[in-house]
Amino acid sequence: MARAYHHIGIPTTARRENEIYLESVKIWITDASRQEHGIEWLRFEPDSPMHPLVKAVPHVGFKVDDLQAAIRGRKVIVEPFEPLPGVWVAFIEDDGAPVEFLEFR
């Protein structure tokens, strides 16, 4: 399976410039592609349905060609969803750490 590093996501409680609100999961994020070191800051609403591990522990995001193949047989902690048009993501747990896979359609 082809995959490429995409970003690191770091939970925060601090507001950041140019945050994007993802209403379906109640998260404010920054665009990692606009940050020098590829950091995506994530700020969660108190009632965000995201998995507690994603809310508390930094994650690494990988771009994949086939999201379903990437999560097959793994411990999925956030089922595939479309936070932004044309971007499908899912999270797995790998040895206690969250890992995000992103498929751009």
C-alpha atoms as a PDB file:
ATOM      1  CA  MET A   1       0.000   0.000   0.000  1.00  0.00           C
ATOM      2  CA  ALA A   2       1.421   3.365  -1.011  1.00  0.00           C
ATOM      3  CA  ARG A   3       1.415   6.029   1.690  1.00  0.00           C
ATOM      4  CA  ALA A   4       3.219   9.326   2.126  1.00  0.00           C
ATOM      5  CA  TYR A   5       3.753  11.518   5.160  1.00  0.00           C
ATOM      6  CA  HIS A   6       1.246  14.388   5.173  1.00  0.00           C
ATOM      7  CA  HIS A   7       1.280  16.171   8.573  1.00  0.00           C
ATOM      8  CA  ILE A   8       1.540  15.980  12.321  1.00  0.00           C
ATOM      9  CA  GLY A   9      -1.589  16.859  14.277  1.00  0.00           C
ATOM     10  CA  ILE A  10      -1.241  18.368  17.734  1.00  0.00           C
ATOM     11  CA  PRO A  11      -4.163  18.866  20.122  1.00  0.00           C
ATOM     12  CA  THR A  12      -4.348  22.327  21.684  1.00  0.00           C
ATOM     13  CA  THR A  13      -6.684  24.540  23.668  1.00  0.00           C
ATOM     14  CA  ALA A  14      -5.267  27.754  22.164  1.00  0.00           C
ATOM     15  CA  ARG A  15      -7.051  29.530  19.320  1.00  0.00           C
ATOM     16  CA  ARG A  16      -4.990  29.899  16.129  1.00  0.00           C
ATOM     17  CA  GLU A  17      -5.225  32.232  13.168  1.00  0.00           C
ATOM     18  CA  ASN A  18      -7.169  30.959  10.167  1.00  0.00           C
ATOM     19  CA  GLU A  19      -8.781  28.016  11.947  1.00  0.00           C
ATOM     20  CA  ILE A  20     -11.233  25.919   9.939  1.00  0.00           C
ATOM     21  CA  TYR A  21     -14.308  24.580  11.748  1.00  0.00           C
ATOM     22  CA  LEU A  22     -15.293  20.991  11.036  1.00  0.00           C
ATOM     23  CA  GLU A  23     -18.904  20.999  12.197  1.00  0.00           C
ATOM     24  CA  SER A  24     -19.472  17.253  11.809  1.00  0.00           C
ATOM     25  CA  VAL A  25     -16.819  16.460  14.449  1.00  0.00           C
ATOM     26  CA  LYS A  26     -16.823  19.783  16.337  1.00  0.00           C
ATOM     27  CA  ILE A  27     -13.137  20.540  15.824  1.00  0.00           C
ATOM     28  CA  TRP A  28     -11.239  23.679  14.864  1.00  0.00           C
ATOM     29  CA  ILE A  29      -8.155  22.837  12.753  1.00  0.00           C
ATOM     30  CA  THR A  30      -5.394  24.718  11.016  1.00  0.00           C
ATOM     31  CA  ASP A  31      -4.217  23.923   7.487  1.00  0.00           C
ATOM     32  CA  ALA A  32      -0.944  22.000   7.836  1.00  0.00           C
ATOM     33  CA  SER A  33      -0.015  22.830   4.229  1.00  0.00           C
ATOM     34  CA  ARG A  34       0.168  26.513   5.186  1.00  0.00           C
ATOM     35  CA  GLN A  35       2.441  25.951   8.170  1.00  0.00           C
ATOM     36  CA  GLU A  36       6.211  25.794   7.691  1.00  0.00           C
ATOM     37  CA  HIS A  37       6.657  22.456   9.452  1.00  0.00           C
ATOM     38  CA  GLY A  38       3.393  20.799   8.456  1.00  0.00           C
ATOM     39  CA  ILE A  39       1.690  21.105  11.845  1.00  0.00           C
ATOM     40  CA  GLU A  40      -2.072  20.783  12.038  1.00  0.00           C
ATOM     41  CA  TRP A  41      -3.358  22.259  15.304  1.00  0.00           C
ATOM     42  CA  LEU A  42      -6.623  20.723  16.566  1.00  0.00           C
ATOM     43  CA  ARG A  43      -8.894  22.448  19.073  1.00  0.00           C
ATOM     44  CA  PHE A  44     -11.884  20.398  20.189  1.00  0.00           C
ATOM     45  CA  GLU A  45     -15.318  21.561  21.285  1.00  0.00           C
ATOM     46  CA  PRO A  46     -16.197  20.086  24.712  1.00  0.00           C
ATOM     47  CA  ASP A  47     -18.776  17.767  23.115  1.00  0.00           C
ATOM     48  CA  SER A  48     -16.655  16.702  20.127  1.00  0.00           C
ATOM     49  CA  PRO A  49     -17.362  13.052  19.301  1.00  0.00           C
ATOM     50  CA  MET A  50     -13.722  12.362  18.390  1.00  0.00           C
ATOM     51  CA  HIS A  51     -11.973   9.467  20.113  1.00  0.00           C
ATOM     52  CA  PRO A  52     -10.283  10.451  23.416  1.00  0.00           C
ATOM     53  CA  LEU A  53      -6.878   9.346  22.095  1.00  0.00           C
ATOM     54  CA  VAL A  54      -7.132  11.768  19.157  1.00  0.00           C
ATOM     55  CA  LYS A  55      -8.110  14.552  21.564  1.00  0.00           C
ATOM     56  CA  ALA A  56      -5.141  13.957  23.862  1.00  0.00           C
ATOM     57  CA  VAL A  57      -2.200  12.571  21.866  1.00  0.00           C
ATOM     58  CA  PRO A  58      -0.474  14.033  18.774  1.00  0.00           C
ATOM     59  CA  HIS A  59      -0.971  12.012  15.609  1.00  0.00           C
ATOM     60  CA  VAL A  60       0.817  11.524  12.305  1.00  0.00           C
ATOM     61  CA  GLY A  61      -1.200  11.793   9.103  1.00  0.00           C
ATOM     62  CA  PHE A  62      -0.416   9.782   5.986  1.00  0.00           C
ATOM     63  CA  LYS A  63      -1.837  10.306   2.510  1.00  0.00           C
ATOM     64  CA  VAL A  64      -3.047   6.999   1.044  1.00  0.00           C
ATOM     65  CA  ASP A  65      -4.474   5.933  -2.292  1.00  0.00           C
ATOM     66  CA  ASP A  66      -7.102   3.628  -0.787  1.00  0.00           C
ATOM     67  CA  LEU A  67      -8.483   4.487   2.663  1.00  0.00           C
ATOM     68  CA  GLN A  68     -10.389   1.220   3.065  1.00  0.00           C
ATOM     69  CA  ALA A  69      -7.276  -0.818   2.289  1.00  0.00           C
ATOM     70  CA  ALA A  70      -5.216   1.286   4.712  1.00  0.00           C
ATOM     71  CA  ILE A  71      -7.520   0.563   7.669  1.00  0.00           C
ATOM     72  CA  ARG A  72      -8.347  -3.058   6.838  1.00  0.00           C
ATOM     73  CA  GLY A  73      -7.372  -5.359   9.691  1.00  0.00           C
ATOM     74  CA  ARG A  74      -6.352  -2.474  11.967  1.00  0.00           C
ATOM     75  CA  LYS A  75      -7.825  -1.134  15.209  1.00  0.00           C
ATOM     76  CA  VAL A  76     -10.012   1.665  13.819  1.00  0.00           C
ATOM     77  CA  ILE A  77     -10.800   4.329  16.429  1.00  0.00           C
ATOM     78  CA  VAL A  78     -12.467   6.851  14.077  1.00  0.00           C
ATOM     79  CA  GLU A  79     -14.424   5.409  11.167  1.00  0.00           C
ATOM     80  CA  PRO A  80     -13.976   6.995   7.709  1.00  0.00           C
ATOM     81  CA  PHE A  81     -15.655  10.374   7.262  1.00  0.00           C
ATOM     82  CA  GLU A  82     -15.409  13.402   4.962  1.00  0.00           C
ATOM     83  CA  PRO A  83     -14.375  16.470   7.019  1.00  0.00           C
ATOM     84  CA  LEU A  84     -13.800  18.611   3.925  1.00  0.00           C
ATOM     85  CA  PRO A  85     -15.104  18.136   0.381  1.00  0.00           C
ATOM     86  CA  GLY A  86     -13.091  15.435  -1.369  1.00  0.00           C
ATOM     87  CA  VAL A  87     -11.035  14.506   1.712  1.00  0.00           C
ATOM     88  CA  TRP A  88     -11.819  11.227   3.454  1.00  0.00           C
ATOM     89  CA  VAL A  89     -10.041  10.356   6.701  1.00  0.00           C
ATOM     90  CA  ALA A  90      -9.966   7.630   9.344  1.00  0.00           C
ATOM     91  CA  PHE A  91      -7.906   7.073  12.468  1.00  0.00           C
ATOM     92  CA  ILE A  92      -6.371   3.872  13.760  1.00  0.00           C
ATOM     93  CA  GLU A  93      -4.563   3.110  16.985  1.00  0.00           C
ATOM     94  CA  ASP A  94      -1.025   1.832  16.515  1.00  0.00           C
ATOM     95  CA  ASP A  95       0.761   0.760  19.698  1.00  0.00           C
ATOM     96  CA  GLY A  96      -1.136   3.326  21.778  1.00  0.00           C
ATOM     97  CA  ALA A  97      -0.782   6.222  19.322  1.00  0.00           C
ATOM     98  CA  PRO A  98      -3.371   7.617  16.907  1.00  0.00           C
ATOM     99  CA  VAL A  99      -2.512   7.513  13.199  1.00  0.00           C
ATOM    100  CA  GLU A 100      -4.588   9.277  10.546  1.00  0.00           C
ATOM    101  CA  PHE A 101      -4.978   8.143   6.955  1.00  0.00           C
ATOM    102  CA  LEU A 102      -6.211  10.655   4.356  1.00  0.00           C
ATOM    103  CA  GLU A 103      -7.554   9.854   0.884  1.00  0.00           C
ATOM    104  CA  PHE A 104      -8.000  12.762  -1.524  1.00  0.00           C
ATOM    105  CA  ARG A 105     -10.766  11.967  -4.016  1.00  0.00           C
END
